[in-house]
Protein backbone atom coordinates (compact mmCIF):
# COMPACT_ATOMS: atom_id res chain seq x y z
CA MET A 1 3.46 42.39 24.16
CA SER A 2 5.59 41.08 27.02
CA ALA A 3 5.98 37.35 27.63
CA GLU A 4 3.98 37.66 30.85
CA ALA A 5 1.13 39.50 29.12
CA ALA A 6 1.13 36.91 26.33
CA THR A 7 0.83 34.09 28.88
CA VAL A 8 -2.09 35.80 30.63
CA ALA A 9 -3.82 36.36 27.28
CA THR A 10 -3.34 32.70 26.31
CA GLU A 11 -4.73 31.45 29.63
CA ALA A 12 -7.73 33.76 29.32
CA SER A 13 -8.38 32.54 25.78
CA THR A 14 -8.15 28.89 26.88
CA ALA A 15 -10.55 29.52 29.77
CA ALA A 16 -13.02 31.21 27.43
CA LYS A 17 -12.99 28.20 25.06
CA ARG A 18 -13.39 25.66 27.88
CA PRO A 19 -17.02 24.43 27.97
CA LYS A 20 -18.99 25.50 31.01
CA THR A 21 -19.51 22.70 33.52
CA GLU A 22 -23.13 21.57 33.65
CA TYR A 23 -24.59 20.61 37.02
CA GLU A 24 -27.58 18.51 37.99
CA LYS A 25 -29.25 18.94 41.36
CA VAL A 26 -30.10 15.60 43.02
CA LYS A 27 -32.36 15.07 46.04
CA MET A 28 -30.61 12.67 48.38
CA THR A 29 -32.37 10.03 50.47
CA ASP A 30 -31.55 12.00 53.64
CA GLY A 31 -33.29 15.11 52.29
CA ARG A 32 -30.22 17.10 51.22
CA GLU A 33 -29.83 18.46 47.70
CA VAL A 34 -26.43 17.93 46.08
CA GLU A 35 -25.19 19.34 42.78
CA PHE A 36 -23.36 16.85 40.55
CA PRO A 37 -21.22 17.85 37.58
CA LYS A 38 -22.52 16.15 34.45
CA ASN A 39 -21.35 12.51 34.17
CA ARG A 40 -20.05 12.38 37.74
CA LYS A 41 -21.62 9.55 39.70
CA LEU A 42 -20.03 10.04 43.13
CA GLN A 43 -19.24 12.99 45.39
CA LYS A 44 -16.98 12.35 48.41
CA THR A 45 -16.85 14.61 51.47
CA SER A 46 -14.60 14.30 54.51
CA LEU A 47 -16.31 15.16 57.80
CA ILE A 48 -13.59 15.99 60.33
CA SER A 49 -14.29 16.23 64.07
CA GLY A 50 -14.22 19.87 65.16
CA VAL A 51 -13.87 21.24 61.62
CA ASP A 52 -16.56 23.28 59.84
CA GLY A 53 -19.03 22.63 62.62
CA HIS A 54 -18.86 18.83 62.46
CA THR A 55 -19.24 17.56 66.02
CA GLY A 56 -19.44 13.83 65.35
CA PRO A 57 -16.65 11.34 64.73
CA THR A 58 -14.53 11.74 61.62
CA ALA A 59 -16.20 10.10 58.63
CA VAL A 60 -16.45 10.09 54.85
CA ARG A 61 -19.79 10.83 53.21
CA LEU A 62 -20.55 9.28 49.83
CA ASP A 63 -23.28 10.90 47.74
CA TYR A 64 -24.33 9.04 44.60
CA ALA A 65 -25.97 10.51 41.53
CA ASN A 66 -29.04 8.28 42.01
CA GLY A 67 -29.77 9.89 45.40
CA GLU A 68 -28.25 7.16 47.57
CA THR A 69 -25.93 8.33 50.35
CA ARG A 70 -23.63 6.63 52.85
CA THR A 71 -21.71 8.01 55.83
CA VAL A 72 -18.72 5.85 56.69
CA VAL A 73 -17.27 6.47 60.15
CA ILE A 74 -13.56 5.70 60.29
CA PRO A 75 -12.99 2.90 62.83
CA GLY A 76 -11.62 4.38 66.03
CA ALA A 77 -12.69 7.91 65.11
CA ASP A 78 -15.42 7.89 67.76
CA THR A 79 -12.76 7.41 70.44
CA VAL A 80 -10.70 10.28 69.04
CA SER A 81 -13.81 12.48 68.87
CA GLU A 82 -14.53 11.78 72.53
CA MET A 83 -10.94 12.70 73.41
CA ILE A 84 -11.23 16.00 71.54
CA SER A 85 -14.45 16.87 73.38
CA THR A 86 -13.18 15.96 76.85
CA LEU A 87 -9.51 16.99 76.75
CA GLU A 88 -8.56 20.65 76.80
CA LEU A 89 -6.01 20.53 74.01
CA GLU A 90 -3.86 23.48 73.15
CA PRO A 91 -4.60 24.88 69.66
CA ALA A 92 -1.31 23.52 68.30
CA GLU A 93 -2.03 20.03 69.64
CA LEU A 94 -5.61 20.10 68.37
CA ALA A 95 -4.35 21.08 64.92
CA LYS A 96 -2.05 18.04 64.91
CA VAL A 97 -4.91 15.71 65.85
CA GLN A 98 -7.14 17.19 63.13
CA PHE A 99 -4.32 16.89 60.60
CA LEU A 100 -4.09 13.19 61.47
CA LEU A 101 -7.87 12.81 61.04
CA LYS A 102 -7.81 14.61 57.68
CA SER A 103 -5.08 12.23 56.51
CA ALA A 104 -7.11 9.21 57.63
CA ALA A 105 -10.25 10.54 55.92
CA HIS A 106 -8.32 11.17 52.70
CA GLY A 107 -7.09 7.57 52.72
CA MET A 108 -10.63 6.31 53.30
CA GLU A 109 -11.95 8.47 50.44
CA GLN A 110 -9.31 7.02 48.12
CA LYS A 111 -10.02 3.45 49.21
CA LEU A 112 -13.77 3.78 48.65
CA GLY A 113 -13.35 5.69 45.39
CA ASP A 114 -11.05 3.02 43.96
CA GLU A 115 -13.88 0.50 44.30
CA MET A 116 -16.07 2.69 42.09
CA ALA A 117 -13.31 3.17 39.51
CA TYR A 118 -12.99 -0.53 38.64
CA GLN A 119 -13.30 -1.16 34.90
CA PRO A 120 -14.70 -4.51 33.72
CA LYS A 121 -12.57 -6.90 31.66
CA LYS A 122 -13.36 -7.48 27.99
CA ASP A 123 -15.55 -10.51 28.68
CA GLU A 124 -17.48 -8.85 31.53
CA PRO A 125 -20.71 -6.83 31.16
CA GLU A 126 -20.73 -3.15 32.06
CA PRO A 127 -21.73 -2.69 35.74
CA THR A 128 -24.45 -0.21 36.66
CA LEU A 129 -24.13 2.49 39.30
CA GLU A 130 -26.29 0.30 41.56
CA ASP A 131 -23.83 -2.59 41.08
CA LYS A 132 -20.94 -0.35 42.12
CA ILE A 133 -22.83 0.85 45.18
CA GLU A 134 -23.24 -2.80 46.19
CA TRP A 135 -19.48 -3.27 45.79
CA VAL A 136 -18.78 -0.23 47.96
CA ASP A 137 -21.29 -1.39 50.60
CA GLU A 138 -19.48 -4.73 50.71
CA LEU A 139 -16.15 -2.93 51.13
CA ILE A 140 -17.61 -0.72 53.89
CA GLY A 141 -18.57 -3.88 55.76
CA ARG A 142 -15.03 -5.26 55.47
CA LEU A 143 -13.48 -1.97 56.57
CA GLY A 144 -15.80 -1.93 59.58
CA SER A 145 -14.25 -5.27 60.53
CA LEU A 146 -10.78 -3.71 60.14
CA GLU A 147 -10.11 -5.70 56.94
CA TRP A 148 -8.18 -3.19 54.81
CA THR A 149 -6.43 -5.50 52.35
CA VAL A 150 -8.72 -8.53 52.15
CA ALA A 151 -9.57 -9.14 48.48
CA ARG A 152 -13.01 -10.28 47.41
CA GLU A 153 -13.47 -13.68 45.84
CA GLY A 154 -12.66 -13.55 42.13
CA GLY A 155 -10.74 -10.27 42.26
CA GLY A 156 -11.50 -6.57 42.58
CA GLY A 157 -14.56 -4.85 41.26
CA GLY A 158 -17.25 -7.38 42.02
CA LEU A 159 -19.83 -8.61 39.55
CA ALA A 160 -22.02 -6.68 37.15
CA GLY A 161 -25.66 -7.40 37.98
CA ALA A 162 -24.97 -7.72 41.71
CA SER A 163 -27.66 -5.19 42.59
CA THR A 164 -30.26 -6.89 40.38
CA LEU A 165 -29.50 -10.30 41.87
CA ILE A 166 -29.93 -8.93 45.39
CA GLN A 167 -33.21 -7.23 44.44
CA ALA A 168 -34.52 -10.43 42.85
CA LEU A 169 -33.65 -12.53 45.91
CA CYS A 170 -35.26 -9.93 48.18
CA GLU A 171 -38.51 -9.99 46.22
CA LEU A 172 -38.62 -13.77 45.97
CA SER A 173 -37.73 -14.47 49.61
CA GLY A 174 -39.29 -11.49 51.35
CA LYS A 175 -35.98 -10.91 53.13
CA SER A 176 -34.17 -7.57 53.50
CA LYS A 177 -31.12 -6.51 51.50
CA GLU A 178 -28.97 -6.92 54.61
CA GLU A 179 -30.17 -10.51 55.05
CA ILE A 180 -29.51 -11.32 51.39
CA ARG A 181 -26.03 -9.75 51.55
CA ASP A 182 -25.29 -11.88 54.64
CA PHE A 183 -26.51 -14.96 52.77
CA LEU A 184 -24.24 -14.25 49.79
CA LYS A 185 -21.29 -13.71 52.14
CA THR A 186 -21.78 -16.86 54.23
CA ALA A 187 -23.60 -19.50 52.16
CA GLY A 188 -20.42 -20.80 50.53
CA LYS A 189 -17.73 -23.05 51.97
CA ASP A 190 -13.98 -22.53 52.04
CA ALA A 191 -11.32 -25.26 51.78
CA GLU A 192 -11.79 -26.09 55.48
CA GLY A 193 -15.56 -26.31 55.19
CA LYS A 194 -16.16 -23.01 56.99
CA ALA A 195 -18.71 -20.39 55.92
CA ALA A 196 -17.42 -18.22 53.07
CA PRO A 197 -18.79 -15.96 50.32
CA LEU A 198 -20.45 -17.69 47.39
CA SER A 199 -18.06 -17.96 44.44
CA ARG A 200 -18.70 -16.27 41.09
CA GLU A 201 -19.74 -19.65 39.69
CA GLU A 202 -22.20 -20.25 42.54
CA ARG A 203 -23.74 -16.79 42.15
CA ALA A 204 -23.97 -17.29 38.40
CA ALA A 205 -25.75 -20.60 38.98
CA ILE A 206 -28.27 -18.88 41.25
CA ARG A 207 -28.90 -16.26 38.55
CA ARG A 208 -29.60 -19.04 36.02
CA SER A 209 -32.12 -20.88 38.21
CA PRO A 210 -35.61 -20.56 36.63
CA ALA A 211 -37.31 -18.60 39.42
CA VAL A 212 -34.44 -16.16 39.90
CA LYS A 213 -33.84 -15.71 36.17
CA ALA A 214 -37.52 -14.93 35.61
CA LYS A 215 -37.50 -12.36 38.40
CA ILE A 216 -34.28 -10.76 37.11
CA ASP A 217 -35.77 -10.56 33.60
CA GLU A 218 -38.83 -8.86 35.09
CA ILE A 219 -36.71 -6.34 37.01
CA GLU A 220 -34.47 -5.57 34.03
CA ALA A 221 -37.49 -5.14 31.75
CA ALA A 222 -38.96 -2.63 34.21
CA GLN A 223 -35.62 -0.79 34.38
CA ALA A 224 -35.43 -0.63 30.57
CA LYS A 225 -38.99 0.70 30.37
CA ALA A 226 -38.21 3.36 32.98
CA LYS A 227 -35.30 4.51 30.79
CA GLY A 228 -37.55 4.70 27.73
CA ILE A 229 -36.00 1.66 26.04
CA ASP A 230 -38.56 -0.08 23.82
CA VAL A 231 -37.19 -3.60 23.36
CA THR A 232 -40.33 -4.86 21.58
CA SER A 233 -40.12 -2.12 18.96
CA ASN A 234 -36.37 -2.50 18.50
CA LEU A 235 -36.59 -6.25 17.95
CA GLY A 236 -39.75 -5.86 15.88
CA SER A 237 -37.79 -3.89 13.31
CA LEU A 238 -35.75 -7.07 12.79
CA GLY A 239 -38.83 -9.28 12.59
CA ILE A 240 -38.16 -10.75 16.02
CA THR A 241 -40.93 -11.13 18.59
CA ALA A 242 -39.75 -10.04 22.06
């Protein structure tokens, strides 16, 4: 057998042994159905003006495995989209503009994906997918204000339990998620006394307050029940009353 034939045979054998990728079809909140490879939590898609039938401004679409979806328009892309639609560009010039847009979209995909990839430190609890979506939503807000390199208070990655805290405050106050996010971003004070995001310590203190803690416990108990986790039975086996 020749070296080339041996290589082909080896590659074929490796491919045959490789487990088949399993997919799960998820209904998104905008009505689309998206297939996710098993264990993947996020699918990113670049939407480029004038490419594959996309007529809007260049954007990045984020589809999450829980059905949530976000479309993030790159700042300034609407102006470029308008230029493409009104100027009669030569094919070569149009290709250059679209290449630039693809590069910008790739950078945005990477920036948003990095926020999801954050791994907690040893002393930090494991964040949920909903926590990470909150982190990305916060980053989207900063990017919309042209803040590319501004770090969040306390470092990258945000806090585990962020989504549960927001849900608890929404239910207790009757306010929307957007209003609660604005509160968390402006209720603190910086060194000059100006509005600033609440610190980790301040958010932790809010979580420990009796009313908020009780609501968070209620939400987390409901989440555990939805996942089929029987805390009462588990603790009962140790002689502990839940």
